[in-house]
Amino acid sequence: MLYADGPSTHREIRISAGAARVWEVLADVGAMAGWSPELVEVEWQDGATYPVPGARCTGRPPPTRCRAPGTSGTTNTP
């Protein structure tokens, strides 16, 4: 399948909590690192502490092991 074919996915889940509680959990960007092995840390930028229009956050992935041609591999830490 090609990207031009418009591949997509769909998933639904029922959550037994009110909208305010769901938003509270999703808005906690610091907790995202505990949900995904692809994140080590997430932090708000520019003094933001909560998701509002224009707020930004940055995530840091775990160190990766990569192999450059002709080497035994190096450790990168973003």
N, C-alpha and C. Protein backbone atom coordinates (compact mmCIF):
# COMPACT_ATOMS: atom_id res chain seq x y z
N MET A 1 0.84 -1.16 0.00
CA MET A 1 0.00 0.00 0.00
C MET A 1 0.90 1.24 0.00
N LEU A 2 0.52 2.20 -0.79
CA LEU A 2 1.27 3.44 -0.89
C LEU A 2 0.63 4.52 -0.01
N TYR A 3 1.44 5.46 0.43
CA TYR A 3 0.92 6.58 1.20
C TYR A 3 -0.14 7.33 0.40
N ALA A 4 0.06 7.43 -0.89
CA ALA A 4 -0.90 8.12 -1.76
C ALA A 4 -2.27 7.44 -1.77
N ASP A 5 -2.33 6.16 -1.38
CA ASP A 5 -3.59 5.43 -1.32
C ASP A 5 -4.43 5.85 -0.11
N GLY A 6 -3.83 6.65 0.78
CA GLY A 6 -4.56 7.12 1.96
C GLY A 6 -4.78 6.06 3.01
N PRO A 7 -3.74 5.30 3.40
CA PRO A 7 -3.95 4.29 4.43
C PRO A 7 -4.37 4.96 5.74
N SER A 8 -5.17 4.26 6.50
CA SER A 8 -5.62 4.82 7.78
C SER A 8 -5.90 3.68 8.75
N THR A 9 -6.17 4.07 9.96
CA THR A 9 -6.54 3.11 10.98
C THR A 9 -7.62 3.74 11.85
N HIS A 10 -8.36 2.92 12.54
CA HIS A 10 -9.44 3.42 13.38
C HIS A 10 -9.53 2.55 14.62
N ARG A 11 -9.67 3.19 15.76
CA ARG A 11 -9.80 2.44 17.01
C ARG A 11 -10.74 3.19 17.94
N GLU A 12 -11.62 2.48 18.59
CA GLU A 12 -12.53 3.08 19.56
C GLU A 12 -12.36 2.37 20.89
N ILE A 13 -12.52 3.14 21.95
CA ILE A 13 -12.48 2.57 23.29
C ILE A 13 -13.44 3.35 24.18
N ARG A 14 -14.11 2.66 25.07
CA ARG A 14 -15.01 3.32 26.00
C ARG A 14 -14.25 3.54 27.31
N ILE A 15 -14.34 4.74 27.82
CA ILE A 15 -13.63 5.09 29.04
C ILE A 15 -14.67 5.39 30.12
N SER A 16 -14.55 4.71 31.23
CA SER A 16 -15.51 4.88 32.33
C SER A 16 -15.06 6.02 33.24
N ALA A 17 -15.02 7.20 32.68
CA ALA A 17 -14.65 8.39 33.45
C ALA A 17 -15.27 9.60 32.77
N GLY A 18 -15.44 10.64 33.53
CA GLY A 18 -15.99 11.87 32.98
C GLY A 18 -14.96 12.59 32.12
N ALA A 19 -15.43 13.51 31.30
CA ALA A 19 -14.55 14.24 30.39
C ALA A 19 -13.47 15.01 31.14
N ALA A 20 -13.79 15.58 32.30
CA ALA A 20 -12.80 16.34 33.06
C ALA A 20 -11.64 15.45 33.51
N ARG A 21 -11.94 14.24 33.95
CA ARG A 21 -10.88 13.31 34.39
C ARG A 21 -10.05 12.84 33.21
N VAL A 22 -10.70 12.54 32.10
CA VAL A 22 -9.97 12.11 30.90
C VAL A 22 -9.02 13.22 30.45
N TRP A 23 -9.50 14.45 30.42
CA TRP A 23 -8.66 15.58 30.02
C TRP A 23 -7.49 15.75 30.98
N GLU A 24 -7.74 15.60 32.28
CA GLU A 24 -6.69 15.72 33.29
C GLU A 24 -5.56 14.72 33.03
N VAL A 25 -5.92 13.49 32.71
CA VAL A 25 -4.92 12.46 32.44
C VAL A 25 -4.17 12.75 31.14
N LEU A 26 -4.88 13.10 30.09
CA LEU A 26 -4.24 13.37 28.81
C LEU A 26 -3.38 14.63 28.83
N ALA A 27 -3.76 15.59 29.65
CA ALA A 27 -3.02 16.85 29.73
C ALA A 27 -1.73 16.73 30.52
N ASP A 28 -1.54 15.64 31.23
CA ASP A 28 -0.33 15.44 32.03
C ASP A 28 0.78 14.91 31.13
N VAL A 29 1.46 15.82 30.42
CA VAL A 29 2.47 15.38 29.45
C VAL A 29 3.63 14.68 30.13
N GLY A 30 3.90 15.01 31.39
CA GLY A 30 4.98 14.33 32.11
C GLY A 30 4.71 12.85 32.29
N ALA A 31 3.44 12.47 32.36
CA ALA A 31 3.09 11.06 32.53
C ALA A 31 3.29 10.25 31.25
N MET A 32 3.34 10.94 30.11
CA MET A 32 3.47 10.22 28.83
C MET A 32 4.71 9.34 28.78
N ALA A 33 5.78 9.75 29.45
CA ALA A 33 7.01 8.94 29.46
C ALA A 33 6.77 7.58 30.11
N GLY A 34 5.81 7.50 31.01
CA GLY A 34 5.48 6.23 31.64
C GLY A 34 4.58 5.35 30.80
N TRP A 35 4.00 5.91 29.76
CA TRP A 35 3.09 5.16 28.91
C TRP A 35 3.76 4.57 27.69
N SER A 36 4.90 5.11 27.31
CA SER A 36 5.51 4.73 26.04
C SER A 36 7.00 4.45 26.20
N PRO A 37 7.48 3.33 25.67
CA PRO A 37 8.92 3.07 25.72
C PRO A 37 9.71 3.98 24.78
N GLU A 38 9.00 4.77 23.97
CA GLU A 38 9.68 5.67 23.04
C GLU A 38 9.99 7.03 23.66
N LEU A 39 9.58 7.24 24.91
CA LEU A 39 9.84 8.51 25.60
C LEU A 39 10.53 8.26 26.92
N VAL A 40 11.47 9.13 27.25
CA VAL A 40 12.11 9.10 28.55
C VAL A 40 11.61 10.26 29.39
N GLU A 41 11.36 11.38 28.73
CA GLU A 41 10.98 12.59 29.43
C GLU A 41 10.17 13.49 28.50
N VAL A 42 9.19 14.17 29.05
CA VAL A 42 8.42 15.16 28.32
C VAL A 42 8.30 16.38 29.22
N GLU A 43 8.55 17.57 28.65
CA GLU A 43 8.43 18.77 29.46
C GLU A 43 7.84 19.92 28.66
N TRP A 44 7.15 20.78 29.38
CA TRP A 44 6.57 21.98 28.77
C TRP A 44 7.67 22.96 28.41
N GLN A 45 7.43 23.75 27.40
CA GLN A 45 8.39 24.75 26.94
C GLN A 45 7.84 26.16 27.19
N ASP A 46 8.74 27.11 27.18
CA ASP A 46 8.39 28.54 27.25
C ASP A 46 7.53 28.90 28.46
N GLY A 47 7.75 28.22 29.58
CA GLY A 47 7.02 28.54 30.80
C GLY A 47 5.63 27.95 30.90
N ALA A 48 5.19 27.23 29.89
CA ALA A 48 3.85 26.63 29.93
C ALA A 48 3.83 25.52 30.98
N THR A 49 2.68 25.32 31.58
CA THR A 49 2.50 24.25 32.56
C THR A 49 1.25 23.43 32.29
N TYR A 50 0.52 23.79 31.23
CA TYR A 50 -0.75 23.14 30.94
C TYR A 50 -1.07 23.36 29.46
N PRO A 51 -1.79 22.43 28.84
CA PRO A 51 -2.10 22.61 27.42
C PRO A 51 -3.12 23.73 27.18
N VAL A 52 -2.66 24.76 26.54
CA VAL A 52 -3.51 25.87 26.11
C VAL A 52 -3.11 26.17 24.67
N PRO A 53 -3.93 26.87 23.92
CA PRO A 53 -3.55 27.19 22.54
C PRO A 53 -2.17 27.85 22.48
N GLY A 54 -1.30 27.29 21.68
CA GLY A 54 0.05 27.82 21.50
C GLY A 54 1.09 27.21 22.42
N ALA A 55 0.66 26.47 23.45
CA ALA A 55 1.63 25.84 24.37
C ALA A 55 2.38 24.73 23.64
N ARG A 56 3.64 24.57 24.00
CA ARG A 56 4.46 23.54 23.37
C ARG A 56 5.12 22.67 24.43
N CYS A 57 5.34 21.42 24.09
CA CYS A 57 6.11 20.53 24.96
C CYS A 57 7.10 19.77 24.10
N THR A 58 8.14 19.29 24.74
CA THR A 58 9.20 18.57 24.04
C THR A 58 9.38 17.21 24.70
N GLY A 59 9.50 16.18 23.88
CA GLY A 59 9.75 14.84 24.38
C GLY A 59 11.16 14.41 24.06
N ARG A 60 11.75 13.62 24.95
CA ARG A 60 13.10 13.11 24.74
C ARG A 60 13.03 11.59 24.67
N PRO A 61 13.51 11.03 23.56
CA PRO A 61 13.52 9.57 23.43
C PRO A 61 14.66 8.97 24.23
N PRO A 62 14.61 7.68 24.46
CA PRO A 62 15.73 7.03 25.17
C PRO A 62 16.97 7.01 24.28
N PRO A 63 18.14 6.82 24.89
CA PRO A 63 19.35 6.69 24.07
C PRO A 63 19.19 5.54 23.08
N THR A 64 19.73 5.71 21.90
CA THR A 64 19.63 4.67 20.88
C THR A 64 21.00 4.12 20.55
N ARG A 65 20.99 2.95 20.07
CA ARG A 65 22.23 2.30 19.64
C ARG A 65 22.19 2.26 18.13
N CYS A 66 23.15 2.89 17.49
CA CYS A 66 23.16 2.87 16.02
C CYS A 66 24.52 2.41 15.54
N ARG A 67 24.53 1.90 14.35
CA ARG A 67 25.78 1.41 13.76
C ARG A 67 26.05 2.18 12.49
N ALA A 68 27.15 2.86 12.49
CA ALA A 68 27.61 3.53 11.28
C ALA A 68 28.46 2.52 10.51
N PRO A 69 28.46 2.63 9.18
CA PRO A 69 29.28 1.70 8.40
C PRO A 69 30.73 1.71 8.87
N GLY A 70 31.28 0.52 9.13
CA GLY A 70 32.68 0.40 9.52
C GLY A 70 32.94 0.63 11.01
N THR A 71 31.87 0.74 11.82
CA THR A 71 32.08 0.92 13.25
C THR A 71 31.35 -0.16 14.02
N SER A 72 31.66 -0.25 15.31
CA SER A 72 30.98 -1.24 16.12
C SER A 72 29.72 -0.68 16.76
N GLY A 73 29.43 0.59 16.49
CA GLY A 73 28.23 1.19 17.05
C GLY A 73 28.58 2.30 18.02
N THR A 74 27.71 3.27 18.14
CA THR A 74 27.90 4.37 19.08
C THR A 74 26.61 4.60 19.82
N THR A 75 26.72 5.18 20.97
CA THR A 75 25.53 5.51 21.74
C THR A 75 25.24 6.99 21.57
N ASN A 76 24.02 7.27 21.17
CA ASN A 76 23.60 8.66 21.01
C ASN A 76 22.61 9.01 22.09
N THR A 77 22.79 10.15 22.71
CA THR A 77 21.81 10.67 23.65
C THR A 77 21.40 12.04 23.21
N PRO A 78 20.16 12.16 22.76
CA PRO A 78 19.69 13.45 22.26
C PRO A 78 19.76 14.53 23.33
